[in-house]
Amino acid sequence: MLSALVAIIALLLDPSKSPEGWLPVAVRWAFELTLLIAVVKFVRLSSLFFEVLMVAAKSAEDDKPNKLAPAPEVSKYWANKQQAS
């Protein structure tokens, strides 16, 4: 958030009409530095998010096999019962 704020302020202060003096150079350096900081933060948070997803995926795995409910028994008399009712 701070990087974005500094970058916006640097863009507002950029005197692109008169490039003489130290201000345009300082503003461009400030903008490039904040852009670099923002990219580093994005890469760091992306790698941490990947690690969180991997830990969540590993904890979701069970060592025990899933127990299924028993299969229903097929009865050839079922249809006859339904018609008789």
PDB file of N, CA and C in Angstrom:
ATOM      1  N   MET A   1       0.827  -1.181   0.000  1.00  0.00           N
ATOM      2  CA  MET A   1       0.000   0.000   0.000  1.00  0.00           C
ATOM      3  C   MET A   1       0.877   1.253   0.000  1.00  0.00           C
ATOM      4  N   LEU A   2       1.915   1.202   0.815  1.00  0.00           N
ATOM      5  CA  LEU A   2       2.820   2.348   0.875  1.00  0.00           C
ATOM      6  C   LEU A   2       3.552   2.521  -0.454  1.00  0.00           C
ATOM      7  N   SER A   3       3.917   1.420  -1.076  1.00  0.00           N
ATOM      8  CA  SER A   3       4.594   1.492  -2.373  1.00  0.00           C
ATOM      9  C   SER A   3       3.698   2.149  -3.416  1.00  0.00           C
ATOM     10  N   ALA A   4       2.434   1.787  -3.427  1.00  0.00           N
ATOM     11  CA  ALA A   4       1.503   2.376  -4.388  1.00  0.00           C
ATOM     12  C   ALA A   4       1.322   3.864  -4.119  1.00  0.00           C
ATOM     13  N   LEU A   5       1.243   4.241  -2.858  1.00  0.00           N
ATOM     14  CA  LEU A   5       1.072   5.652  -2.505  1.00  0.00           C
ATOM     15  C   LEU A   5       2.285   6.473  -2.934  1.00  0.00           C
ATOM     16  N   VAL A   6       3.481   5.974  -2.679  1.00  0.00           N
ATOM     17  CA  VAL A   6       4.697   6.689  -3.069  1.00  0.00           C
ATOM     18  C   VAL A   6       4.796   6.769  -4.586  1.00  0.00           C
ATOM     19  N   ALA A   7       4.419   5.701  -5.287  1.00  0.00           N
ATOM     20  CA  ALA A   7       4.471   5.721  -6.741  1.00  0.00           C
ATOM     21  C   ALA A   7       3.492   6.738  -7.318  1.00  0.00           C
ATOM     22  N   ILE A   8       2.310   6.832  -6.749  1.00  0.00           N
ATOM     23  CA  ILE A   8       1.327   7.812  -7.231  1.00  0.00           C
ATOM     24  C   ILE A   8       1.814   9.237  -6.960  1.00  0.00           C
ATOM     25  N   ILE A   9       2.385   9.469  -5.791  1.00  0.00           N
ATOM     26  CA  ILE A   9       2.926  10.798  -5.484  1.00  0.00           C
ATOM     27  C   ILE A   9       4.072  11.133  -6.429  1.00  0.00           C
ATOM     28  N   ALA A  10       4.924  10.159  -6.727  1.00  0.00           N
ATOM     29  CA  ALA A  10       6.027  10.396  -7.654  1.00  0.00           C
ATOM     30  C   ALA A  10       5.506  10.736  -9.047  1.00  0.00           C
ATOM     31  N   LEU A  11       4.440  10.066  -9.479  1.00  0.00           N
ATOM     32  CA  LEU A  11       3.869  10.392 -10.783  1.00  0.00           C
ATOM     33  C   LEU A  11       3.248  11.787 -10.795  1.00  0.00           C
ATOM     34  N   LEU A  12       2.669  12.186  -9.664  1.00  0.00           N
ATOM     35  CA  LEU A  12       2.100  13.527  -9.592  1.00  0.00           C
ATOM     36  C   LEU A  12       3.177  14.609  -9.606  1.00  0.00           C
ATOM     37  N   LEU A  13       4.324  14.330  -9.008  1.00  0.00           N
ATOM     38  CA  LEU A  13       5.408  15.311  -8.948  1.00  0.00           C
ATOM     39  C   LEU A  13       6.282  15.326 -10.196  1.00  0.00           C
ATOM     40  N   ASP A  14       6.097  14.395 -11.088  1.00  0.00           N
ATOM     41  CA  ASP A  14       6.962  14.285 -12.261  1.00  0.00           C
ATOM     42  C   ASP A  14       6.764  15.480 -13.193  1.00  0.00           C
ATOM     43  N   PRO A  15       7.784  16.330 -13.304  1.00  0.00           N
ATOM     44  CA  PRO A  15       7.679  17.474 -14.222  1.00  0.00           C
ATOM     45  C   PRO A  15       8.160  17.073 -15.618  1.00  0.00           C
ATOM     46  N   SER A  16       7.342  16.402 -16.356  1.00  0.00           N
ATOM     47  CA  SER A  16       7.771  15.896 -17.663  1.00  0.00           C
ATOM     48  C   SER A  16       7.925  17.012 -18.695  1.00  0.00           C
ATOM     49  N   LYS A  17       7.419  18.216 -18.416  1.00  0.00           N
ATOM     50  CA  LYS A  17       7.561  19.332 -19.355  1.00  0.00           C
ATOM     51  C   LYS A  17       8.957  19.944 -19.285  1.00  0.00           C
ATOM     52  N   SER A  18       9.537  19.954 -18.076  1.00  0.00           N
ATOM     53  CA  SER A  18      10.880  20.523 -17.941  1.00  0.00           C
ATOM     54  C   SER A  18      11.783  19.489 -17.278  1.00  0.00           C
ATOM     55  N   PRO A  19      12.525  18.708 -18.057  1.00  0.00           N
ATOM     56  CA  PRO A  19      13.349  17.632 -17.483  1.00  0.00           C
ATOM     57  C   PRO A  19      14.686  18.075 -16.898  1.00  0.00           C
ATOM     58  N   GLU A  20      14.925  19.375 -16.712  1.00  0.00           N
ATOM     59  CA  GLU A  20      16.187  19.837 -16.137  1.00  0.00           C
ATOM     60  C   GLU A  20      16.102  19.832 -14.615  1.00  0.00           C
ATOM     61  N   GLY A  21      17.230  19.627 -13.991  1.00  0.00           N
ATOM     62  CA  GLY A  21      17.297  19.686 -12.532  1.00  0.00           C
ATOM     63  C   GLY A  21      17.296  18.299 -11.901  1.00  0.00           C
ATOM     64  N   TRP A  22      17.291  18.301 -10.590  1.00  0.00           N
ATOM     65  CA  TRP A  22      17.384  17.042  -9.845  1.00  0.00           C
ATOM     66  C   TRP A  22      16.019  16.416  -9.579  1.00  0.00           C
ATOM     67  N   LEU A  23      14.936  17.197  -9.635  1.00  0.00           N
ATOM     68  CA  LEU A  23      13.616  16.677  -9.291  1.00  0.00           C
ATOM     69  C   LEU A  23      13.137  15.558 -10.224  1.00  0.00           C
ATOM     70  N   PRO A  24      13.254  15.696 -11.551  1.00  0.00           N
ATOM     71  CA  PRO A  24      12.800  14.588 -12.397  1.00  0.00           C
ATOM     72  C   PRO A  24      13.565  13.286 -12.154  1.00  0.00           C
ATOM     73  N   VAL A  25      14.860  13.413 -11.908  1.00  0.00           N
ATOM     74  CA  VAL A  25      15.672  12.226 -11.657  1.00  0.00           C
ATOM     75  C   VAL A  25      15.267  11.580 -10.328  1.00  0.00           C
ATOM     76  N   ALA A  26      15.063  12.385  -9.306  1.00  0.00           N
ATOM     77  CA  ALA A  26      14.665  11.856  -8.002  1.00  0.00           C
ATOM     78  C   ALA A  26      13.292  11.214  -8.063  1.00  0.00           C
ATOM     79  N   VAL A  27      12.384  11.838  -8.798  1.00  0.00           N
ATOM     80  CA  VAL A  27      11.034  11.296  -8.919  1.00  0.00           C
ATOM     81  C   VAL A  27      11.061   9.965  -9.659  1.00  0.00           C
ATOM     82  N   ARG A  28      11.829   9.877 -10.722  1.00  0.00           N
ATOM     83  CA  ARG A  28      11.912   8.605 -11.474  1.00  0.00           C
ATOM     84  C   ARG A  28      12.547   7.510 -10.628  1.00  0.00           C
ATOM     85  N   TRP A  29      13.588   7.864  -9.853  1.00  0.00           N
ATOM     86  CA  TRP A  29      14.215   6.873  -8.980  1.00  0.00           C
ATOM     87  C   TRP A  29      13.240   6.416  -7.895  1.00  0.00           C
ATOM     88  N   ALA A  30      12.477   7.342  -7.345  1.00  0.00           N
ATOM     89  CA  ALA A  30      11.497   6.973  -6.315  1.00  0.00           C
ATOM     90  C   ALA A  30      10.433   6.051  -6.912  1.00  0.00           C
ATOM     91  N   PHE A  31       9.978   6.374  -8.114  1.00  0.00           N
ATOM     92  CA  PHE A  31       8.966   5.535  -8.758  1.00  0.00           C
ATOM     93  C   PHE A  31       9.514   4.137  -9.047  1.00  0.00           C
ATOM     94  N   GLU A  32      10.718   4.061  -9.601  1.00  0.00           N
ATOM     95  CA  GLU A  32      11.308   2.758  -9.909  1.00  0.00           C
ATOM     96  C   GLU A  32      11.595   1.956  -8.642  1.00  0.00           C
ATOM     97  N   LEU A  33      12.013   2.609  -7.588  1.00  0.00           N
ATOM     98  CA  LEU A  33      12.273   1.912  -6.327  1.00  0.00           C
ATOM     99  C   LEU A  33      10.983   1.352  -5.736  1.00  0.00           C
ATOM    100  N   THR A  34       9.922   2.149  -5.745  1.00  0.00           N
ATOM    101  CA  THR A  34       8.654   1.647  -5.204  1.00  0.00           C
ATOM    102  C   THR A  34       8.074   0.543  -6.075  1.00  0.00           C
ATOM    103  N   LEU A  35       8.282   0.639  -7.378  1.00  0.00           N
ATOM    104  CA  LEU A  35       7.832  -0.436  -8.265  1.00  0.00           C
ATOM    105  C   LEU A  35       8.599  -1.726  -7.976  1.00  0.00           C
ATOM    106  N   LEU A  36       9.889  -1.629  -7.760  1.00  0.00           N
ATOM    107  CA  LEU A  36      10.701  -2.800  -7.417  1.00  0.00           C
ATOM    108  C   LEU A  36      10.257  -3.399  -6.080  1.00  0.00           C
ATOM    109  N   ILE A  37       9.990  -2.556  -5.096  1.00  0.00           N
ATOM    110  CA  ILE A  37       9.529  -3.048  -3.795  1.00  0.00           C
ATOM    111  C   ILE A  37       8.189  -3.762  -3.939  1.00  0.00           C
ATOM    112  N   ALA A  38       7.294  -3.206  -4.747  1.00  0.00           N
ATOM    113  CA  ALA A  38       5.987  -3.831  -4.954  1.00  0.00           C
ATOM    114  C   ALA A  38       6.123  -5.192  -5.628  1.00  0.00           C
ATOM    115  N   VAL A  39       7.017  -5.313  -6.598  1.00  0.00           N
ATOM    116  CA  VAL A  39       7.220  -6.595  -7.276  1.00  0.00           C
ATOM    117  C   VAL A  39       7.810  -7.623  -6.315  1.00  0.00           C
ATOM    118  N   VAL A  40       8.754  -7.207  -5.491  1.00  0.00           N
ATOM    119  CA  VAL A  40       9.360  -8.119  -4.512  1.00  0.00           C
ATOM    120  C   VAL A  40       8.308  -8.591  -3.514  1.00  0.00           C
ATOM    121  N   LYS A  41       7.451  -7.680  -3.059  1.00  0.00           N
ATOM    122  CA  LYS A  41       6.393  -8.072  -2.128  1.00  0.00           C
ATOM    123  C   LYS A  41       5.423  -9.050  -2.782  1.00  0.00           C
ATOM    124  N   PHE A  42       5.091  -8.812  -4.048  1.00  0.00           N
ATOM    125  CA  PHE A  42       4.174  -9.709  -4.750  1.00  0.00           C
ATOM    126  C   PHE A  42       4.763 -11.106  -4.879  1.00  0.00           C
ATOM    127  N   VAL A  43       6.022 -11.197  -5.253  1.00  0.00           N
ATOM    128  CA  VAL A  43       6.670 -12.511  -5.394  1.00  0.00           C
ATOM    129  C   VAL A  43       6.745 -13.210  -4.040  1.00  0.00           C
ATOM    130  N   ARG A  44       7.071 -12.473  -2.999  1.00  0.00           N
ATOM    131  CA  ARG A  44       7.163 -13.063  -1.650  1.00  0.00           C
ATOM    132  C   ARG A  44       5.806 -13.583  -1.187  1.00  0.00           C
ATOM    133  N   LEU A  45       4.775 -12.795  -1.365  1.00  0.00           N
ATOM    134  CA  LEU A  45       3.447 -13.231  -0.938  1.00  0.00           C
ATOM    135  C   LEU A  45       2.936 -14.389  -1.789  1.00  0.00           C
ATOM    136  N   SER A  46       3.283 -14.386  -3.075  1.00  0.00           N
ATOM    137  CA  SER A  46       2.876 -15.511  -3.934  1.00  0.00           C
ATOM    138  C   SER A  46       3.540 -16.805  -3.486  1.00  0.00           C
ATOM    139  N   SER A  47       4.814 -16.745  -3.138  1.00  0.00           N
ATOM    140  CA  SER A  47       5.498 -17.957  -2.680  1.00  0.00           C
ATOM    141  C   SER A  47       4.949 -18.423  -1.337  1.00  0.00           C
ATOM    142  N   LEU A  48       4.631 -17.496  -0.451  1.00  0.00           N
ATOM    143  CA  LEU A  48       4.038 -17.886   0.837  1.00  0.00           C
ATOM    144  C   LEU A  48       2.652 -18.488   0.644  1.00  0.00           C
ATOM    145  N   PHE A  49       1.876 -17.930  -0.262  1.00  0.00           N
ATOM    146  CA  PHE A  49       0.548 -18.464  -0.536  1.00  0.00           C
ATOM    147  C   PHE A  49       0.646 -19.873  -1.115  1.00  0.00           C
ATOM    148  N   PHE A  50       1.642 -20.111  -1.973  1.00  0.00           N
ATOM    149  CA  PHE A  50       1.852 -21.450  -2.528  1.00  0.00           C
ATOM    150  C   PHE A  50       2.179 -22.436  -1.408  1.00  0.00           C
ATOM    151  N   GLU A  51       3.013 -22.025  -0.456  1.00  0.00           N
ATOM    152  CA  GLU A  51       3.364 -22.907   0.660  1.00  0.00           C
ATOM    153  C   GLU A  51       2.142 -23.200   1.534  1.00  0.00           C
ATOM    154  N   VAL A  52       1.299 -22.207   1.750  1.00  0.00           N
ATOM    155  CA  VAL A  52       0.081 -22.428   2.538  1.00  0.00           C
ATOM    156  C   VAL A  52      -0.824 -23.426   1.824  1.00  0.00           C
ATOM    157  N   LEU A  53      -0.953 -23.311   0.519  1.00  0.00           N
ATOM    158  CA  LEU A  53      -1.770 -24.260  -0.236  1.00  0.00           C
ATOM    159  C   LEU A  53      -1.199 -25.673  -0.168  1.00  0.00           C
ATOM    160  N   MET A  54       0.114 -25.799  -0.217  1.00  0.00           N
ATOM    161  CA  MET A  54       0.734 -27.123  -0.146  1.00  0.00           C
ATOM    162  C   MET A  54       0.509 -27.753   1.228  1.00  0.00           C
ATOM    163  N   VAL A  55       0.632 -26.971   2.289  1.00  0.00           N
ATOM    164  CA  VAL A  55       0.408 -27.493   3.639  1.00  0.00           C
ATOM    165  C   VAL A  55      -1.053 -27.894   3.806  1.00  0.00           C
ATOM    166  N   ALA A  56      -1.960 -27.096   3.283  1.00  0.00           N
ATOM    167  CA  ALA A  56      -3.383 -27.427   3.379  1.00  0.00           C
ATOM    168  C   ALA A  56      -3.692 -28.693   2.594  1.00  0.00           C
ATOM    169  N   ALA A  57      -3.060 -28.873   1.449  1.00  0.00           N
ATOM    170  CA  ALA A  57      -3.298 -30.071   0.654  1.00  0.00           C
ATOM    171  C   ALA A  57      -2.742 -31.314   1.355  1.00  0.00           C
ATOM    172  N   LYS A  58      -1.595 -31.168   2.007  1.00  0.00           N
ATOM    173  CA  LYS A  58      -1.014 -32.316   2.709  1.00  0.00           C
ATOM    174  C   LYS A  58      -1.835 -32.685   3.939  1.00  0.00           C
ATOM    175  N   SER A  59      -2.382 -31.694   4.621  1.00  0.00           N
ATOM    176  CA  SER A  59      -3.174 -32.005   5.807  1.00  0.00           C
ATOM    177  C   SER A  59      -4.536 -32.578   5.437  1.00  0.00           C
ATOM    178  N   ALA A  60      -4.983 -32.337   4.223  1.00  0.00           N
ATOM    179  CA  ALA A  60      -6.273 -32.868   3.796  1.00  0.00           C
ATOM    180  C   ALA A  60      -6.174 -34.358   3.430  1.00  0.00           C
ATOM    181  N   GLU A  61      -4.977 -34.816   3.135  1.00  0.00           N
ATOM    182  CA  GLU A  61      -4.804 -36.228   2.791  1.00  0.00           C
ATOM    183  C   GLU A  61      -4.896 -37.077   4.062  1.00  0.00           C
ATOM    184  N   ASP A  62      -5.630 -38.160   3.979  1.00  0.00           N
ATOM    185  CA  ASP A  62      -5.728 -39.081   5.110  1.00  0.00           C
ATOM    186  C   ASP A  62      -4.925 -40.334   4.800  1.00  0.00           C
ATOM    187  N   ASP A  63      -4.327 -40.890   5.840  1.00  0.00           N
ATOM    188  CA  ASP A  63      -3.608 -42.149   5.657  1.00  0.00           C
ATOM    189  C   ASP A  63      -4.588 -43.316   5.564  1.00  0.00           C
ATOM    190  N   LYS A  64      -5.762 -43.135   6.125  1.00  0.00           N
ATOM    191  CA  LYS A  64      -6.754 -44.207   6.105  1.00  0.00           C
ATOM    192  C   LYS A  64      -7.526 -44.163   4.788  1.00  0.00           C
ATOM    193  N   PRO A  65      -7.801 -45.314   4.233  1.00  0.00           N
ATOM    194  CA  PRO A  65      -8.625 -45.290   3.023  1.00  0.00           C
ATOM    195  C   PRO A  65     -10.062 -44.910   3.374  1.00  0.00           C
ATOM    196  N   ASN A  66     -10.723 -44.278   2.446  1.00  0.00           N
ATOM    197  CA  ASN A  66     -12.111 -43.877   2.687  1.00  0.00           C
ATOM    198  C   ASN A  66     -12.996 -45.109   2.735  1.00  0.00           C
ATOM    199  N   LYS A  67     -13.820 -45.192   3.778  1.00  0.00           N
ATOM    200  CA  LYS A  67     -14.737 -46.322   3.888  1.00  0.00           C
ATOM    201  C   LYS A  67     -16.034 -45.943   3.202  1.00  0.00           C
ATOM    202  N   LEU A  68     -16.447 -46.780   2.293  1.00  0.00           N
ATOM    203  CA  LEU A  68     -17.676 -46.530   1.563  1.00  0.00           C
ATOM    204  C   LEU A  68     -18.831 -47.256   2.231  1.00  0.00           C
ATOM    205  N   ALA A  69     -20.002 -46.757   2.016  1.00  0.00           N
ATOM    206  CA  ALA A  69     -21.194 -47.429   2.520  1.00  0.00           C
ATOM    207  C   ALA A  69     -21.374 -48.741   1.758  1.00  0.00           C
ATOM    208  N   PRO A  70     -21.973 -49.726   2.396  1.00  0.00           N
ATOM    209  CA  PRO A  70     -22.169 -50.998   1.689  1.00  0.00           C
ATOM    210  C   PRO A  70     -23.106 -50.810   0.490  1.00  0.00           C
ATOM    211  N   ALA A  71     -22.856 -51.595  -0.529  1.00  0.00           N
ATOM    212  CA  ALA A  71     -23.670 -51.511  -1.737  1.00  0.00           C
ATOM    213  C   ALA A  71     -25.081 -52.008  -1.446  1.00  0.00           C
ATOM    214  N   PRO A  72     -26.085 -51.440  -2.073  1.00  0.00           N
ATOM    215  CA  PRO A  72     -27.450 -51.913  -1.838  1.00  0.00           C
ATOM    216  C   PRO A  72     -27.636 -53.315  -2.405  1.00  0.00           C
ATOM    217  N   GLU A  73     -28.481 -54.065  -1.732  1.00  0.00           N
ATOM    218  CA  GLU A  73     -28.753 -55.423  -2.199  1.00  0.00           C
ATOM    219  C   GLU A  73     -29.837 -55.382  -3.271  1.00  0.00           C
ATOM    220  N   VAL A  74     -29.570 -56.047  -4.340  1.00  0.00           N
ATOM    221  CA  VAL A  74     -30.526 -56.085  -5.440  1.00  0.00           C
ATOM    222  C   VAL A  74     -31.495 -57.241  -5.191  1.00  0.00           C
ATOM    223  N   SER A  75     -32.771 -56.925  -5.204  1.00  0.00           N
ATOM    224  CA  SER A  75     -33.784 -57.954  -4.978  1.00  0.00           C
ATOM    225  C   SER A  75     -34.665 -58.050  -6.215  1.00  0.00           C
ATOM    226  N   LYS A  76     -34.825 -59.266  -6.715  1.00  0.00           N
ATOM    227  CA  LYS A  76     -35.654 -59.419  -7.905  1.00  0.00           C
ATOM    228  C   LYS A  76     -37.139 -59.302  -7.568  1.00  0.00           C
ATOM    229  N   TYR A  77     -37.496 -59.334  -6.296  1.00  0.00           N
ATOM    230  CA  TYR A  77     -38.890 -59.235  -5.878  1.00  0.00           C
ATOM    231  C   TYR A  77     -39.317 -57.788  -5.590  1.00  0.00           C
ATOM    232  N   TRP A  78     -38.377 -56.842  -5.669  1.00  0.00           N
ATOM    233  CA  TRP A  78     -38.689 -55.458  -5.345  1.00  0.00           C
ATOM    234  C   TRP A  78     -39.749 -54.877  -6.276  1.00  0.00           C
ATOM    235  N   ALA A  79     -39.615 -55.121  -7.572  1.00  0.00           N
ATOM    236  CA  ALA A  79     -40.575 -54.583  -8.529  1.00  0.00           C
ATOM    237  C   ALA A  79     -41.951 -55.198  -8.286  1.00  0.00           C
ATOM    238  N   ASN A  80     -42.004 -56.465  -7.905  1.00  0.00           N
ATOM    239  CA  ASN A  80     -43.308 -57.109  -7.641  1.00  0.00           C
ATOM    240  C   ASN A  80     -43.961 -56.493  -6.400  1.00  0.00           C
ATOM    241  N   LYS A  81     -43.187 -56.157  -5.385  1.00  0.00           N
ATOM    242  CA  LYS A  81     -43.729 -55.538  -4.180  1.00  0.00           C
ATOM    243  C   LYS A  81     -44.343 -54.180  -4.500  1.00  0.00           C
ATOM    244  N   GLN A  82     -43.657 -53.405  -5.339  1.00  0.00           N
ATOM    245  CA  GLN A  82     -44.136 -52.068  -5.679  1.00  0.00           C
ATOM    246  C   GLN A  82     -45.434 -52.120  -6.476  1.00  0.00           C
ATOM    247  N   GLN A  83     -45.557 -53.108  -7.341  1.00  0.00           N
ATOM    248  CA  GLN A  83     -46.770 -53.204  -8.146  1.00  0.00           C
ATOM    249  C   GLN A  83     -47.947 -53.713  -7.317  1.00  0.00           C
ATOM    250  N   ALA A  84     -47.693 -54.540  -6.310  1.00  0.00           N
ATOM    251  CA  ALA A  84     -48.746 -55.098  -5.495  1.00  0.00           C
ATOM    252  C   ALA A  84     -49.333 -54.057  -4.557  1.00  0.00           C
ATOM    253  N   SER A  85     -48.604 -53.057  -4.206  1.00  0.00           N
ATOM    254  CA  SER A  85     -49.087 -52.049  -3.249  1.00  0.00           C
ATOM    255  C   SER A  85     -50.098 -51.109  -3.846  1.00  0.00           C
TER     256      SER A  85
END
